[in-house]
Amino acid sequence: MDKAELRYLQETHPDNYFSNGEAAVVLGVDPSTLREWARTGKLDGVDHFPHPFNGWRYFRAGDIYELRDARNAAEAEVEE
């Protein structure tokens, strides 16, 4: 991923949607991890839906940002 793509992900409007791969980059996890979380219900509060034709999952950007911030805050608490 180049700097322009990363900048786009960092500046995406909260009401837009990320693909699974884009959301995984923002969260710093592997796309397969994010798919597993979605499949097993570990994404409470994250609006996501499968595309009606190809089945790909899309995640609301604002929810992904909130999850990222919560995960970062939890990691910071553990480090203290």
N, C-alpha and C. Protein backbone atom coordinates (compact mmCIF):
# COMPACT_ATOMS: atom_id res chain seq x y z
N MET A 1 0.85 -1.17 0.00
CA MET A 1 0.00 0.00 0.00
C MET A 1 0.90 1.23 0.00
N ASP A 2 0.63 2.15 -0.92
CA ASP A 2 1.46 3.34 -0.99
C ASP A 2 0.89 4.46 -0.10
N LYS A 3 1.63 5.56 0.00
CA LYS A 3 1.24 6.65 0.90
C LYS A 3 -0.09 7.28 0.50
N ALA A 4 -0.36 7.39 -0.78
CA ALA A 4 -1.63 7.98 -1.23
C ALA A 4 -2.81 7.13 -0.79
N GLU A 5 -2.68 5.81 -0.90
CA GLU A 5 -3.76 4.92 -0.47
C GLU A 5 -3.96 5.01 1.04
N LEU A 6 -2.87 5.04 1.78
CA LEU A 6 -2.96 5.14 3.23
C LEU A 6 -3.59 6.47 3.64
N ARG A 7 -3.23 7.56 2.98
CA ARG A 7 -3.81 8.87 3.26
C ARG A 7 -5.32 8.84 2.99
N TYR A 8 -5.73 8.19 1.89
CA TYR A 8 -7.16 8.08 1.59
C TYR A 8 -7.90 7.36 2.71
N LEU A 9 -7.32 6.28 3.20
CA LEU A 9 -7.98 5.53 4.27
C LEU A 9 -8.07 6.37 5.54
N GLN A 10 -7.04 7.16 5.81
CA GLN A 10 -7.05 7.98 7.02
C GLN A 10 -8.04 9.13 6.91
N GLU A 11 -8.39 9.55 5.70
CA GLU A 11 -9.25 10.70 5.50
C GLU A 11 -10.66 10.33 5.05
N THR A 12 -11.01 9.07 5.03
CA THR A 12 -12.31 8.65 4.56
C THR A 12 -13.41 9.15 5.49
N HIS A 13 -14.45 9.68 4.92
CA HIS A 13 -15.57 10.21 5.71
C HIS A 13 -16.21 9.07 6.52
N PRO A 14 -16.60 9.34 7.77
CA PRO A 14 -17.15 8.29 8.63
C PRO A 14 -18.41 7.61 8.10
N ASP A 15 -19.15 8.28 7.23
CA ASP A 15 -20.37 7.67 6.70
C ASP A 15 -20.13 6.86 5.43
N ASN A 16 -18.91 6.82 4.96
CA ASN A 16 -18.57 5.96 3.82
C ASN A 16 -18.30 4.56 4.33
N TYR A 17 -18.12 3.65 3.40
CA TYR A 17 -17.88 2.26 3.78
C TYR A 17 -16.53 1.78 3.28
N PHE A 18 -15.88 0.94 4.09
CA PHE A 18 -14.62 0.29 3.73
C PHE A 18 -14.89 -1.12 3.27
N SER A 19 -14.07 -1.59 2.35
CA SER A 19 -14.06 -3.02 2.05
C SER A 19 -13.39 -3.74 3.22
N ASN A 20 -13.44 -5.04 3.21
CA ASN A 20 -12.79 -5.82 4.26
C ASN A 20 -11.30 -5.50 4.33
N GLY A 21 -10.64 -5.46 3.18
CA GLY A 21 -9.20 -5.19 3.16
C GLY A 21 -8.86 -3.79 3.65
N GLU A 22 -9.65 -2.80 3.26
CA GLU A 22 -9.41 -1.43 3.71
C GLU A 22 -9.61 -1.31 5.22
N ALA A 23 -10.68 -1.90 5.72
CA ALA A 23 -10.94 -1.85 7.17
C ALA A 23 -9.83 -2.57 7.94
N ALA A 24 -9.34 -3.66 7.40
CA ALA A 24 -8.25 -4.40 8.06
C ALA A 24 -7.00 -3.53 8.16
N VAL A 25 -6.70 -2.76 7.12
CA VAL A 25 -5.53 -1.88 7.15
C VAL A 25 -5.69 -0.83 8.25
N VAL A 26 -6.86 -0.23 8.34
CA VAL A 26 -7.10 0.80 9.37
C VAL A 26 -6.94 0.19 10.76
N LEU A 27 -7.41 -1.03 10.95
CA LEU A 27 -7.34 -1.69 12.26
C LEU A 27 -5.98 -2.32 12.53
N GLY A 28 -5.18 -2.50 11.49
CA GLY A 28 -3.87 -3.12 11.68
C GLY A 28 -3.96 -4.62 11.90
N VAL A 29 -4.96 -5.25 11.29
CA VAL A 29 -5.12 -6.70 11.40
C VAL A 29 -5.15 -7.30 10.00
N ASP A 30 -5.02 -8.59 9.93
CA ASP A 30 -5.10 -9.29 8.65
C ASP A 30 -6.57 -9.33 8.20
N PRO A 31 -6.82 -9.23 6.90
CA PRO A 31 -8.21 -9.30 6.43
C PRO A 31 -8.94 -10.58 6.86
N SER A 32 -8.22 -11.68 6.97
CA SER A 32 -8.87 -12.91 7.41
C SER A 32 -9.32 -12.81 8.87
N THR A 33 -8.59 -12.06 9.67
CA THR A 33 -8.99 -11.84 11.07
C THR A 33 -10.28 -11.05 11.12
N LEU A 34 -10.38 -10.02 10.30
CA LEU A 34 -11.59 -9.21 10.28
C LEU A 34 -12.79 -10.02 9.79
N ARG A 35 -12.58 -10.86 8.79
CA ARG A 35 -13.67 -11.74 8.32
C ARG A 35 -14.13 -12.67 9.43
N GLU A 36 -13.18 -13.21 10.17
CA GLU A 36 -13.52 -14.11 11.29
C GLU A 36 -14.30 -13.36 12.36
N TRP A 37 -13.87 -12.16 12.70
CA TRP A 37 -14.59 -11.36 13.70
C TRP A 37 -16.03 -11.12 13.25
N ALA A 38 -16.21 -10.78 11.98
CA ALA A 38 -17.56 -10.52 11.45
C ALA A 38 -18.40 -11.80 11.48
N ARG A 39 -17.79 -12.91 11.10
CA ARG A 39 -18.51 -14.19 11.03
C ARG A 39 -18.92 -14.68 12.42
N THR A 40 -18.09 -14.41 13.43
CA THR A 40 -18.36 -14.92 14.77
C THR A 40 -19.05 -13.91 15.68
N GLY A 41 -19.41 -12.73 15.15
CA GLY A 41 -20.15 -11.75 15.93
C GLY A 41 -19.32 -10.93 16.89
N LYS A 42 -18.02 -10.82 16.66
CA LYS A 42 -17.15 -10.06 17.56
C LYS A 42 -17.07 -8.58 17.19
N LEU A 43 -17.93 -8.13 16.28
CA LEU A 43 -17.90 -6.74 15.85
C LEU A 43 -19.17 -6.01 16.29
N ASP A 44 -19.55 -6.18 17.54
CA ASP A 44 -20.73 -5.49 18.06
C ASP A 44 -20.55 -3.99 17.88
N GLY A 45 -21.56 -3.33 17.38
CA GLY A 45 -21.50 -1.89 17.20
C GLY A 45 -20.87 -1.45 15.90
N VAL A 46 -20.40 -2.39 15.10
CA VAL A 46 -19.80 -2.05 13.80
C VAL A 46 -20.81 -2.41 12.72
N ASP A 47 -21.28 -1.38 12.03
CA ASP A 47 -22.24 -1.58 10.95
C ASP A 47 -21.52 -2.20 9.76
N HIS A 48 -21.94 -3.40 9.38
CA HIS A 48 -21.34 -4.05 8.21
C HIS A 48 -22.41 -4.87 7.50
N PHE A 49 -22.20 -5.08 6.23
CA PHE A 49 -23.16 -5.83 5.44
C PHE A 49 -22.46 -6.49 4.27
N PRO A 50 -22.99 -7.60 3.79
CA PRO A 50 -22.42 -8.22 2.59
C PRO A 50 -23.00 -7.56 1.34
N HIS A 51 -22.17 -7.42 0.34
CA HIS A 51 -22.64 -6.90 -0.95
C HIS A 51 -23.67 -7.89 -1.49
N PRO A 52 -24.79 -7.42 -2.03
CA PRO A 52 -25.85 -8.35 -2.46
C PRO A 52 -25.48 -9.26 -3.62
N PHE A 53 -24.49 -8.88 -4.42
CA PHE A 53 -24.15 -9.70 -5.59
C PHE A 53 -22.89 -10.53 -5.41
N ASN A 54 -21.86 -9.95 -4.79
CA ASN A 54 -20.61 -10.70 -4.68
C ASN A 54 -20.31 -11.22 -3.28
N GLY A 55 -21.11 -10.82 -2.28
CA GLY A 55 -20.93 -11.34 -0.93
C GLY A 55 -19.81 -10.68 -0.14
N TRP A 56 -19.06 -9.76 -0.74
CA TRP A 56 -17.99 -9.08 0.00
C TRP A 56 -18.59 -8.24 1.11
N ARG A 57 -17.91 -8.19 2.25
CA ARG A 57 -18.39 -7.39 3.37
C ARG A 57 -17.91 -5.96 3.24
N TYR A 58 -18.76 -5.05 3.65
CA TYR A 58 -18.41 -3.63 3.72
C TYR A 58 -18.71 -3.14 5.13
N PHE A 59 -17.82 -2.28 5.65
CA PHE A 59 -17.90 -1.82 7.03
C PHE A 59 -17.99 -0.30 7.05
N ARG A 60 -18.87 0.25 7.90
CA ARG A 60 -18.99 1.71 8.00
C ARG A 60 -17.68 2.26 8.54
N ALA A 61 -17.12 3.24 7.84
CA ALA A 61 -15.81 3.79 8.18
C ALA A 61 -15.78 4.36 9.60
N GLY A 62 -16.82 5.09 9.99
CA GLY A 62 -16.84 5.67 11.33
C GLY A 62 -16.78 4.62 12.42
N ASP A 63 -17.45 3.49 12.21
CA ASP A 63 -17.41 2.40 13.19
C ASP A 63 -16.03 1.76 13.25
N ILE A 64 -15.39 1.65 12.11
CA ILE A 64 -14.04 1.09 12.08
C ILE A 64 -13.08 2.01 12.80
N TYR A 65 -13.21 3.33 12.58
CA TYR A 65 -12.36 4.29 13.30
C TYR A 65 -12.58 4.19 14.80
N GLU A 66 -13.83 4.07 15.24
CA GLU A 66 -14.11 3.95 16.67
C GLU A 66 -13.52 2.68 17.25
N LEU A 67 -13.63 1.57 16.51
CA LEU A 67 -13.04 0.31 16.97
C LEU A 67 -11.53 0.44 17.06
N ARG A 68 -10.90 1.07 16.05
CA ARG A 68 -9.45 1.27 16.07
C ARG A 68 -9.05 2.07 17.30
N ASP A 69 -9.77 3.17 17.57
CA ASP A 69 -9.43 4.01 18.71
C ASP A 69 -9.62 3.27 20.03
N ALA A 70 -10.67 2.47 20.13
CA ALA A 70 -10.91 1.69 21.35
C ALA A 70 -9.81 0.64 21.54
N ARG A 71 -9.41 -0.01 20.46
CA ARG A 71 -8.33 -1.00 20.56
C ARG A 71 -7.01 -0.33 20.96
N ASN A 72 -6.73 0.85 20.40
CA ASN A 72 -5.50 1.58 20.76
C ASN A 72 -5.53 2.00 22.21
N ALA A 73 -6.69 2.45 22.70
CA ALA A 73 -6.81 2.87 24.09
C ALA A 73 -6.61 1.67 25.03
N ALA A 74 -7.16 0.53 24.65
CA ALA A 74 -7.01 -0.67 25.48
C ALA A 74 -5.55 -1.11 25.52
N GLU A 75 -4.88 -1.03 24.38
CA GLU A 75 -3.45 -1.40 24.34
C GLU A 75 -2.61 -0.44 25.18
N ALA A 76 -2.97 0.85 25.17
CA ALA A 76 -2.24 1.84 25.95
C ALA A 76 -2.41 1.58 27.44
N GLU A 77 -3.60 1.15 27.86
CA GLU A 77 -3.84 0.83 29.27
C GLU A 77 -3.02 -0.36 29.72
N VAL A 78 -2.90 -1.35 28.85
CA VAL A 78 -2.12 -2.54 29.18
C VAL A 78 -0.66 -2.19 29.33
N GLU A 79 -0.16 -1.27 28.52
CA GLU A 79 1.24 -0.89 28.56
C GLU A 79 1.58 -0.07 29.82
N GLU A 80 0.58 0.58 30.41
CA GLU A 80 0.83 1.41 31.60
C GLU A 80 0.99 0.60 32.81
